[in-house]
N, C-alpha and C. Protein backbone atom coordinates (compact mmCIF):
# COMPACT_ATOMS: atom_id res chain seq x y z
N MET A 1 129.72 77.71 88.57
CA MET A 1 128.92 76.72 89.17
C MET A 1 128.63 77.10 90.58
N ALA A 2 127.24 77.01 90.92
CA ALA A 2 126.83 77.14 92.15
C ALA A 2 127.30 76.21 93.08
N LYS A 3 127.51 76.82 94.48
CA LYS A 3 128.26 75.95 95.48
C LYS A 3 127.80 74.83 95.61
N ARG A 4 126.43 74.36 95.54
CA ARG A 4 125.77 73.31 95.89
C ARG A 4 126.02 72.23 94.48
N GLU A 5 125.92 72.63 93.52
CA GLU A 5 126.35 71.94 92.17
C GLU A 5 127.91 71.59 92.46
N ARG A 6 128.63 72.62 92.67
CA ARG A 6 129.93 71.95 92.73
C ARG A 6 130.28 70.95 93.72
N GLN A 7 129.63 71.04 94.83
CA GLN A 7 129.62 69.97 96.00
C GLN A 7 129.25 68.66 95.38
N ILE A 8 127.96 68.73 94.68
CA ILE A 8 127.54 67.32 94.18
C ILE A 8 128.68 66.80 92.83
N SER A 9 129.23 67.72 92.31
CA SER A 9 130.06 67.36 91.26
C SER A 9 131.40 66.90 92.06
N LEU A 10 131.77 67.51 92.89
CA LEU A 10 133.20 66.94 93.76
C LEU A 10 132.87 65.56 94.31
N GLY A 11 131.57 65.50 94.90
CA GLY A 11 131.25 64.12 95.60
C GLY A 11 131.13 63.01 94.50
N LYS A 12 130.84 63.43 93.33
CA LYS A 12 130.69 62.44 92.32
C LYS A 12 132.07 61.94 91.99
N PHE A 13 133.14 63.25 91.89
CA PHE A 13 134.54 62.56 91.62
C PHE A 13 135.04 61.98 92.54
N LEU A 14 134.75 62.37 93.81
CA LEU A 14 135.22 61.37 94.81
C LEU A 14 134.91 60.13 94.93
N SER A 15 133.49 59.73 94.66
CA SER A 15 132.81 58.52 94.77
C SER A 15 133.63 57.79 93.68
N LYS A 16 133.85 58.35 92.45
CA LYS A 16 134.24 57.55 91.19
C LYS A 16 135.74 57.17 91.79
N HIS A 17 136.40 58.00 92.18
CA HIS A 17 138.14 57.78 92.44
C HIS A 17 138.49 57.05 93.63
N LEU A 18 137.46 57.15 94.56
CA LEU A 18 137.75 56.48 95.87
C LEU A 18 136.96 55.25 95.99
N ARG A 19 136.12 54.84 95.17
CA ARG A 19 135.37 53.56 95.34
C ARG A 19 135.78 52.65 93.99
N HIS A 20 135.84 53.47 92.54
CA HIS A 20 135.81 52.55 91.68
C HIS A 20 137.20 52.62 90.90
N THR A 21 137.59 53.73 90.50
CA THR A 21 138.84 53.79 89.41
C THR A 21 139.78 54.88 89.81
N PRO A 22 140.63 54.50 91.24
CA PRO A 22 141.64 55.51 91.48
C PRO A 22 142.75 55.62 90.58
N GLU A 23 142.90 54.59 89.92
CA GLU A 23 144.11 54.53 88.73
C GLU A 23 144.00 55.58 87.65
N GLU A 24 142.72 55.92 87.31
CA GLU A 24 142.37 56.95 86.35
C GLU A 24 143.07 58.20 86.69
N ILE A 25 143.20 58.41 87.87
CA ILE A 25 143.83 59.89 88.05
C ILE A 25 145.36 59.63 88.78
N GLY A 26 145.70 58.41 88.73
CA GLY A 26 146.77 57.97 89.37
C GLY A 26 146.95 58.17 90.74
N LEU A 27 145.98 57.78 91.38
CA LEU A 27 145.63 57.86 92.91
C LEU A 27 145.82 56.44 93.42
N THR A 28 146.89 56.46 94.44
CA THR A 28 147.01 54.99 95.22
C THR A 28 146.14 54.86 96.33
N LEU A 29 145.39 53.84 96.78
CA LEU A 29 144.76 53.40 97.58
C LEU A 29 145.36 52.50 98.50
N ASP A 30 145.48 52.54 99.90
CA ASP A 30 146.01 51.22 100.56
C ASP A 30 145.08 50.01 100.60
N GLY A 31 145.36 48.98 101.21
CA GLY A 31 144.58 47.88 101.31
C GLY A 31 143.40 48.11 102.11
N GLU A 32 143.17 49.02 102.87
CA GLU A 32 141.70 49.36 103.43
C GLU A 32 140.92 50.59 102.59
N GLY A 33 141.37 50.88 101.54
CA GLY A 33 140.98 51.84 100.94
C GLY A 33 141.17 53.49 101.10
N TRP A 34 142.02 53.56 102.01
CA TRP A 34 142.53 54.87 102.19
C TRP A 34 143.47 55.54 101.12
N ALA A 35 143.29 56.64 100.90
CA ALA A 35 144.12 57.63 100.15
C ALA A 35 144.65 58.72 100.84
N LEU A 36 146.01 59.03 100.42
CA LEU A 36 146.50 60.20 101.35
C LEU A 36 145.90 61.61 100.87
N VAL A 37 145.45 62.31 101.63
CA VAL A 37 144.46 63.63 101.33
C VAL A 37 145.60 64.48 100.27
N ASP A 38 146.85 64.69 100.82
CA ASP A 38 147.53 65.49 100.02
C ASP A 38 147.74 65.11 98.34
N GLU A 39 147.74 63.46 98.50
CA GLU A 39 148.08 63.04 97.14
C GLU A 39 146.55 63.32 96.32
N LEU A 40 145.49 63.06 96.89
CA LEU A 40 144.15 63.24 96.26
C LEU A 40 144.09 64.58 95.75
N LEU A 41 144.49 65.51 96.58
CA LEU A 41 144.42 67.00 96.14
C LEU A 41 145.24 67.21 94.87
N GLU A 42 146.67 66.65 94.77
CA GLU A 42 147.29 66.85 93.77
C GLU A 42 146.96 66.11 92.46
N ARG A 43 146.43 64.91 92.68
CA ARG A 43 145.88 64.13 91.44
C ARG A 43 144.62 64.83 91.02
N ALA A 44 143.80 65.44 91.72
CA ALA A 44 142.50 66.17 91.35
C ALA A 44 142.83 67.15 90.39
N ARG A 45 143.89 68.14 91.04
CA ARG A 45 144.53 69.17 90.29
C ARG A 45 144.98 68.94 88.97
N ALA A 46 145.71 67.87 88.91
CA ALA A 46 146.39 67.52 87.69
C ALA A 46 145.30 66.86 86.64
N ALA A 47 144.12 66.34 87.27
CA ALA A 47 142.95 65.85 86.41
C ALA A 47 142.03 67.02 85.96
N GLY A 48 142.52 68.15 86.43
CA GLY A 48 141.64 69.51 86.07
C GLY A 48 140.57 69.65 86.95
N ARG A 49 140.60 69.05 88.11
CA ARG A 49 139.67 69.04 89.02
C ARG A 49 140.05 69.93 90.30
N GLY A 50 140.30 71.27 90.11
CA GLY A 50 140.90 72.00 91.52
C GLY A 50 140.09 71.67 92.51
N LEU A 51 140.82 71.19 93.91
CA LEU A 51 140.01 71.09 94.90
C LEU A 51 140.93 71.47 96.12
N THR A 52 140.21 72.18 96.76
CA THR A 52 141.11 72.49 98.00
C THR A 52 140.62 71.75 99.33
N ARG A 53 141.78 71.70 100.37
CA ARG A 53 141.57 70.99 101.37
C ARG A 53 140.01 71.25 102.06
N GLU A 54 139.70 72.72 102.08
CA GLU A 54 138.66 73.25 102.71
C GLU A 54 137.30 72.72 101.96
N GLU A 55 137.28 72.69 100.54
CA GLU A 55 136.29 72.20 99.96
C GLU A 55 136.02 70.47 100.18
N LEU A 56 137.11 69.82 100.18
CA LEU A 56 137.15 68.59 100.55
C LEU A 56 136.37 68.13 101.94
N GLU A 57 137.04 68.98 102.83
CA GLU A 57 136.33 68.79 104.20
C GLU A 57 134.87 69.12 104.22
N GLU A 58 134.39 70.06 103.53
CA GLU A 58 133.11 70.50 103.38
C GLU A 58 132.11 69.43 102.68
N VAL A 59 132.66 68.89 101.48
CA VAL A 59 132.12 67.71 100.83
C VAL A 59 131.86 66.51 101.86
N VAL A 60 132.92 66.22 102.34
CA VAL A 60 132.84 64.96 103.34
C VAL A 60 132.01 65.27 104.51
N ALA A 61 131.74 66.48 104.99
CA ALA A 61 130.85 66.84 106.24
C ALA A 61 129.32 66.99 105.74
N SER A 62 129.28 67.76 104.35
CA SER A 62 127.94 67.70 103.88
C SER A 62 127.10 66.56 103.06
N ASN A 63 127.93 65.74 102.86
CA ASN A 63 127.23 64.61 102.04
C ASN A 63 126.30 63.94 102.76
N GLU A 64 124.99 63.99 102.23
CA GLU A 64 123.96 63.70 102.87
C GLU A 64 124.24 62.04 103.26
N LYS A 65 124.75 61.29 102.51
CA LYS A 65 124.87 59.71 102.62
C LYS A 65 126.08 59.56 103.48
N GLN A 66 127.01 60.44 103.77
CA GLN A 66 128.23 60.26 104.47
C GLN A 66 128.97 59.32 103.91
N ARG A 67 129.12 59.36 102.59
CA ARG A 67 129.99 58.48 101.82
C ARG A 67 131.49 58.45 102.13
N PHE A 68 132.04 59.29 102.58
CA PHE A 68 133.35 59.49 103.10
C PHE A 68 133.77 59.84 104.44
N ALA A 69 135.06 59.31 104.54
CA ALA A 69 135.56 59.82 106.10
C ALA A 69 137.03 59.90 105.95
N PHE A 70 137.37 60.60 106.98
CA PHE A 70 138.91 60.97 107.17
C PHE A 70 139.19 60.00 108.40
N ASP A 71 140.62 59.83 108.46
CA ASP A 71 141.19 58.79 109.56
C ASP A 71 141.24 59.93 110.59
N ALA A 72 141.43 59.15 111.81
CA ALA A 72 141.68 59.87 112.96
C ALA A 72 142.60 61.11 112.73
N SER A 73 143.80 61.05 111.94
CA SER A 73 144.80 61.81 111.91
C SER A 73 144.10 63.16 110.83
N GLY A 74 143.24 63.05 110.09
CA GLY A 74 143.00 63.68 108.90
C GLY A 74 143.76 63.98 107.70
N LYS A 75 144.69 62.82 107.76
CA LYS A 75 145.72 62.81 106.56
C LYS A 75 145.13 61.95 105.58
N LYS A 76 144.27 61.00 105.85
CA LYS A 76 143.63 60.11 104.80
C LYS A 76 142.22 60.09 104.63
N ILE A 77 141.68 59.99 103.65
CA ILE A 77 140.28 59.90 103.28
C ILE A 77 139.96 58.49 102.54
N ARG A 78 138.86 58.01 102.73
CA ARG A 78 138.33 56.83 101.96
C ARG A 78 136.77 56.98 101.79
N ALA A 79 136.17 56.00 100.95
CA ALA A 79 134.72 55.84 100.80
C ALA A 79 134.48 54.84 101.93
N ASN A 80 133.33 54.96 102.61
CA ASN A 80 132.93 54.21 103.62
C ASN A 80 132.56 53.02 103.13
N GLN A 81 131.70 52.85 101.85
CA GLN A 81 131.31 51.60 101.42
C GLN A 81 131.01 51.88 99.83
N GLY A 82 130.72 50.89 99.22
CA GLY A 82 130.29 50.92 97.80
C GLY A 82 131.43 50.74 96.65
N HIS A 83 132.49 50.06 97.06
CA HIS A 83 133.63 49.92 96.21
C HIS A 83 133.21 48.89 95.29
N SER A 84 133.77 49.00 94.17
CA SER A 84 133.98 47.91 92.93
C SER A 84 135.39 47.68 92.90
N ILE A 85 136.26 48.07 93.65
CA ILE A 85 137.71 47.45 93.68
C ILE A 85 137.75 46.84 95.08
N SER A 86 138.81 45.83 95.09
CA SER A 86 138.96 45.25 96.17
C SER A 86 139.69 46.06 97.41
N VAL A 87 139.08 46.22 98.36
CA VAL A 87 139.47 46.78 99.55
C VAL A 87 139.05 46.08 100.82
N ASP A 88 139.66 46.11 102.00
CA ASP A 88 139.46 45.60 103.15
C ASP A 88 138.95 46.81 104.14
N LEU A 89 137.79 46.98 104.57
CA LEU A 89 137.33 48.17 105.08
C LEU A 89 137.73 47.86 106.74
N ALA A 90 138.08 46.68 106.94
CA ALA A 90 138.71 46.33 108.41
C ALA A 90 137.44 46.46 109.46
N LEU A 91 136.18 46.21 108.70
CA LEU A 91 135.05 46.29 109.72
C LEU A 91 134.87 44.89 110.33
N PRO A 92 134.54 44.84 111.62
CA PRO A 92 134.18 43.66 112.31
C PRO A 92 132.91 42.92 111.86
N PRO A 93 132.68 41.72 111.88
CA PRO A 93 131.34 41.26 111.78
C PRO A 93 130.47 41.63 113.00
N THR A 94 129.15 42.00 112.65
CA THR A 94 128.30 42.62 113.64
C THR A 94 126.92 41.90 113.53
N ALA A 95 126.39 41.81 114.62
CA ALA A 95 125.01 41.31 114.35
C ALA A 95 123.98 42.38 114.12
N PRO A 96 123.26 41.97 113.14
CA PRO A 96 122.35 42.98 112.54
C PRO A 96 121.04 42.91 113.24
N PRO A 97 120.17 43.97 112.94
CA PRO A 97 118.83 43.95 113.55
C PRO A 97 118.24 42.82 113.16
N PRO A 98 116.86 42.56 113.52
CA PRO A 98 116.21 41.35 113.07
C PRO A 98 115.81 41.40 111.69
N ILE A 99 115.49 42.58 111.05
CA ILE A 99 115.22 42.79 109.58
C ILE A 99 115.66 44.05 109.25
N LEU A 100 116.35 43.78 107.84
CA LEU A 100 116.90 44.87 107.23
C LEU A 100 116.12 44.88 105.67
N TYR A 101 116.42 46.03 105.10
CA TYR A 101 115.76 46.27 103.72
C TYR A 101 116.52 46.51 102.66
N HIS A 102 116.17 46.06 101.48
CA HIS A 102 116.77 46.41 100.08
C HIS A 102 116.09 47.09 99.20
N GLY A 103 116.38 48.12 98.67
CA GLY A 103 115.45 48.85 97.52
C GLY A 103 116.18 48.47 96.28
N THR A 104 115.21 48.12 95.43
CA THR A 104 115.69 47.86 93.93
C THR A 104 114.48 48.29 92.87
N ALA A 105 114.75 48.05 91.84
CA ALA A 105 113.66 48.22 90.82
C ALA A 105 112.72 46.75 90.59
N LEU A 106 111.57 47.13 90.30
CA LEU A 106 110.67 46.03 90.17
C LEU A 106 111.04 45.23 88.91
N HIS A 107 111.80 45.78 87.78
CA HIS A 107 112.10 44.86 86.64
C HIS A 107 113.40 43.92 87.13
N PHE A 108 113.73 43.98 88.29
CA PHE A 108 114.63 43.07 88.70
C PHE A 108 114.00 42.11 89.74
N LEU A 109 112.92 42.13 90.09
CA LEU A 109 112.30 41.39 91.07
C LEU A 109 112.24 39.89 90.77
N ASP A 110 112.11 39.42 89.48
CA ASP A 110 111.92 38.08 89.26
C ASP A 110 113.46 37.35 89.39
N SER A 111 114.47 37.82 88.73
CA SER A 111 115.79 37.69 89.07
C SER A 111 116.16 37.34 90.29
N ILE A 112 115.94 38.37 91.18
CA ILE A 112 116.31 38.29 92.49
C ILE A 112 115.56 37.20 93.46
N LEU A 113 114.24 37.07 93.22
CA LEU A 113 113.65 36.08 93.76
C LEU A 113 114.04 34.75 93.41
N GLN A 114 114.65 34.58 92.34
CA GLN A 114 115.37 33.28 91.84
C GLN A 114 116.80 33.00 92.20
N LYS A 115 117.69 34.25 92.48
CA LYS A 115 119.03 34.21 92.63
C LYS A 115 119.37 34.78 93.80
N GLY A 116 118.43 35.47 94.36
CA GLY A 116 118.87 36.23 95.73
C GLY A 116 119.59 37.49 95.31
N LEU A 117 119.89 38.27 96.38
CA LEU A 117 120.77 39.58 96.20
C LEU A 117 122.09 39.22 95.96
N ILE A 118 122.58 39.65 94.67
CA ILE A 118 124.10 39.40 94.57
C ILE A 118 124.71 40.65 94.31
N ARG A 119 126.06 40.69 94.77
CA ARG A 119 126.62 42.11 94.72
C ARG A 119 127.18 42.66 93.46
N GLY A 120 127.05 41.91 92.48
CA GLY A 120 127.33 42.45 91.37
C GLY A 120 128.70 42.86 91.17
N LYS A 121 128.97 44.06 90.65
CA LYS A 121 130.38 44.78 90.43
C LYS A 121 130.84 45.13 91.96
N ARG A 122 130.00 45.39 92.90
CA ARG A 122 130.57 45.87 94.07
C ARG A 122 130.93 44.78 95.20
N GLN A 123 131.56 45.22 96.14
CA GLN A 123 132.16 44.11 97.31
C GLN A 123 131.02 43.59 98.00
N TYR A 124 130.00 44.34 98.27
CA TYR A 124 128.86 43.89 99.06
C TYR A 124 127.47 44.36 98.50
N VAL A 125 126.59 43.45 98.84
CA VAL A 125 125.18 44.07 98.89
C VAL A 125 125.09 45.15 100.01
N HIS A 126 123.97 46.17 99.75
CA HIS A 126 123.81 47.18 100.60
C HIS A 126 122.31 46.94 101.34
N LEU A 127 122.37 47.04 102.39
CA LEU A 127 120.94 46.98 103.24
C LEU A 127 120.86 48.14 104.05
N SER A 128 119.75 48.35 104.32
CA SER A 128 119.46 49.70 105.09
C SER A 128 118.36 49.19 106.24
N THR A 129 118.33 49.85 107.14
CA THR A 129 117.52 49.96 108.40
C THR A 129 116.16 50.46 108.29
N THR A 130 116.02 51.40 107.24
CA THR A 130 114.60 51.94 106.85
C THR A 130 114.03 51.90 105.76
N THR A 131 112.65 51.71 105.54
CA THR A 131 112.12 51.38 104.08
C THR A 131 112.25 52.69 103.48
N GLU A 132 112.40 53.83 104.12
CA GLU A 132 112.60 55.12 103.31
C GLU A 132 113.82 55.23 102.45
N THR A 133 114.82 54.57 103.22
CA THR A 133 116.12 54.82 102.52
C THR A 133 116.14 53.64 101.27
N ALA A 134 115.73 52.42 101.46
CA ALA A 134 115.22 51.50 100.68
C ALA A 134 114.61 51.90 99.45
N GLU A 135 113.56 52.46 99.75
CA GLU A 135 112.74 53.04 98.46
C GLU A 135 113.47 54.20 97.53
N LYS A 136 114.49 55.07 98.35
CA LYS A 136 114.99 55.96 97.55
C LYS A 136 116.36 55.25 96.61
N VAL A 137 116.78 54.25 97.31
CA VAL A 137 117.81 53.49 96.52
C VAL A 137 117.05 52.80 95.25
N GLY A 138 115.86 52.21 95.48
CA GLY A 138 115.23 51.52 94.47
C GLY A 138 114.64 52.46 93.26
N GLN A 139 114.40 53.61 93.75
CA GLN A 139 114.00 54.81 92.63
C GLN A 139 115.11 55.17 91.71
N ARG A 140 116.19 54.79 92.01
CA ARG A 140 117.40 55.33 91.16
C ARG A 140 117.47 54.30 89.98
N HIS A 141 116.61 53.14 89.93
CA HIS A 141 116.84 52.09 88.96
C HIS A 141 115.54 51.82 88.16
N GLY A 142 114.41 52.65 88.60
CA GLY A 142 113.34 52.35 88.17
C GLY A 142 112.01 52.42 89.02
N ARG A 143 111.01 51.85 88.64
CA ARG A 143 109.92 51.58 89.70
C ARG A 143 110.42 50.82 90.96
N PRO A 144 110.30 51.62 92.07
CA PRO A 144 110.97 50.95 93.26
C PRO A 144 110.22 49.79 93.88
N ILE A 145 111.06 48.99 94.37
CA ILE A 145 110.35 47.79 95.27
C ILE A 145 111.22 47.58 96.35
N ILE A 146 110.59 47.35 97.60
CA ILE A 146 111.45 47.14 98.90
C ILE A 146 111.20 45.65 99.37
N LEU A 147 112.55 44.95 99.45
CA LEU A 147 112.50 43.90 99.89
C LEU A 147 112.89 43.80 101.44
N ILE A 148 112.34 42.78 102.11
CA ILE A 148 112.42 42.37 103.54
C ILE A 148 113.57 41.30 103.40
N VAL A 149 114.71 41.75 104.30
CA VAL A 149 115.81 40.84 104.47
C VAL A 149 115.63 40.17 105.94
N ARG A 150 115.50 38.90 106.12
CA ARG A 150 115.38 38.44 107.46
C ARG A 150 116.82 38.23 107.97
N SER A 151 117.55 39.38 108.33
CA SER A 151 118.88 39.31 108.62
C SER A 151 119.31 38.50 109.82
N GLN A 152 118.32 38.64 110.81
CA GLN A 152 118.68 37.89 112.13
C GLN A 152 118.77 36.22 111.77
N GLU A 153 117.84 35.87 111.15
CA GLU A 153 118.00 34.24 110.58
C GLU A 153 119.18 34.00 109.86
N MET A 154 119.62 35.03 109.09
CA MET A 154 120.86 34.83 108.20
C MET A 154 122.20 34.80 108.94
N HIS A 155 122.07 35.58 109.97
CA HIS A 155 123.15 35.82 111.20
C HIS A 155 123.25 34.48 112.01
N GLU A 156 122.09 33.96 112.26
CA GLU A 156 122.10 32.78 113.17
C GLU A 156 122.53 31.67 112.32
N ALA A 157 122.39 31.73 110.95
CA ALA A 157 122.74 30.61 110.14
C ALA A 157 124.37 30.79 109.69
N GLY A 158 124.82 31.82 110.01
CA GLY A 158 126.21 31.66 109.93
C GLY A 158 126.64 32.87 108.77
N HIS A 159 125.82 33.55 108.15
CA HIS A 159 126.11 34.71 107.42
C HIS A 159 126.77 35.97 108.06
N LEU A 160 127.93 36.36 107.54
CA LEU A 160 128.49 37.75 108.22
C LEU A 160 127.89 39.12 107.51
N PHE A 161 127.54 39.81 108.53
CA PHE A 161 127.13 41.25 108.33
C PHE A 161 128.21 42.29 108.96
N PHE A 162 128.40 43.27 108.10
CA PHE A 162 129.31 44.36 108.59
C PHE A 162 128.56 45.69 108.41
N LEU A 163 128.80 46.50 109.44
CA LEU A 163 128.26 47.89 109.40
C LEU A 163 129.28 48.92 109.12
N SER A 164 128.77 49.84 107.91
CA SER A 164 129.80 50.70 107.39
C SER A 164 129.81 51.92 108.26
N GLN A 165 130.73 52.84 108.38
CA GLN A 165 130.81 53.76 109.30
C GLN A 165 129.62 54.73 109.05
N ASN A 166 129.06 54.93 107.80
CA ASN A 166 127.82 55.50 107.62
C ASN A 166 126.51 54.97 107.65
N GLY A 167 126.57 53.79 108.34
CA GLY A 167 125.25 52.95 108.72
C GLY A 167 124.74 52.15 107.96
N VAL A 168 125.44 51.91 106.88
CA VAL A 168 125.07 50.86 105.57
C VAL A 168 125.39 49.46 106.04
N TRP A 169 124.35 48.81 106.06
CA TRP A 169 124.67 47.34 106.40
C TRP A 169 125.20 46.55 105.14
N LEU A 170 126.23 45.67 105.31
CA LEU A 170 127.05 45.01 104.18
C LEU A 170 126.81 43.69 104.49
N ILE A 171 126.69 42.99 103.39
CA ILE A 171 126.67 41.39 103.14
C ILE A 171 127.24 41.01 101.83
N GLU A 172 128.02 39.80 101.90
CA GLU A 172 128.30 39.34 100.35
C GLU A 172 127.11 39.01 99.58
N SER A 173 126.05 38.18 100.10
CA SER A 173 124.92 38.00 99.26
C SER A 173 123.87 37.68 100.16
N VAL A 174 122.51 37.58 99.71
CA VAL A 174 121.31 37.25 100.37
C VAL A 174 120.75 36.14 99.59
N PRO A 175 120.85 34.96 100.03
CA PRO A 175 120.04 33.95 99.40
C PRO A 175 118.56 34.29 99.31
N PRO A 176 117.69 33.57 98.33
CA PRO A 176 116.23 33.99 97.90
C PRO A 176 115.40 33.57 99.40
N ALA A 177 115.90 32.57 99.98
CA ALA A 177 115.06 32.14 101.03
C ALA A 177 115.05 32.93 102.35
N TYR A 178 115.82 34.16 102.28
CA TYR A 178 115.77 35.03 103.23
C TYR A 178 115.17 36.43 102.92
N LEU A 179 114.53 36.30 101.78
CA LEU A 179 113.88 37.49 101.17
C LEU A 179 112.35 37.25 101.02
N SER A 180 111.58 38.57 101.34
CA SER A 180 110.25 38.51 100.95
C SER A 180 109.82 40.12 100.30
N VAL A 181 108.85 40.28 99.66
CA VAL A 181 108.56 41.64 99.31
C VAL A 181 107.93 42.26 100.04
N LEU A 182 108.16 43.56 100.67
CA LEU A 182 107.25 44.57 101.28
C LEU A 182 106.30 45.07 100.63
N SER A 183 106.65 45.87 99.34
CA SER A 183 106.01 46.57 98.58
C SER A 183 106.48 47.07 97.23
N THR A 184 105.67 47.55 96.61
CA THR A 184 105.97 48.35 95.44
C THR A 184 105.28 49.53 95.53
N SER A 185 105.85 50.84 95.07
CA SER A 185 105.46 51.90 95.16
C SER A 185 104.23 52.03 94.11
N GLY A 186 103.29 52.77 94.44
CA GLY A 186 102.33 53.05 93.27
C GLY A 186 101.20 51.96 92.95
N SER A 187 101.55 50.72 93.75
CA SER A 187 100.47 49.77 93.53
C SER A 187 99.36 49.65 94.31
């Protein structure tokens, strides 16, 4: 397997087990989502995914979405956001910029305009500061559409926003009253 392909494969492995199913490989996460690096390496090997500390460091450093982080000691690792399991990332509520964006697929638009953005299986709805990022996210699910989130209004109304270590804005939900459609690609 080529180096880049291996990094992508390892990134998917880390996402799966640091965000969704650590128990599948017998990995233990603490309440804030941290896993011991040595335990992760051991569990990866036992699951048939030989992974060295050097490869792990390279995946963390080179992941374009910066999905993972080491703690200050370098002995623990976690996903920065995107968990479907309950973890407390210990992020302080943070005042957002006036406007944030959410990328989704056009076929979800009617439901979103009725119900708002809901977190689904994840802990939070993910928002971005750029339309480019929102469009990339939306493309993963079909024909993309970009929604404008009036985040400052939400914040002033008492909604709590959190900023993950990799720059993704997190919120439990976005009511439809704070949403508008920016664009659809190809329209």
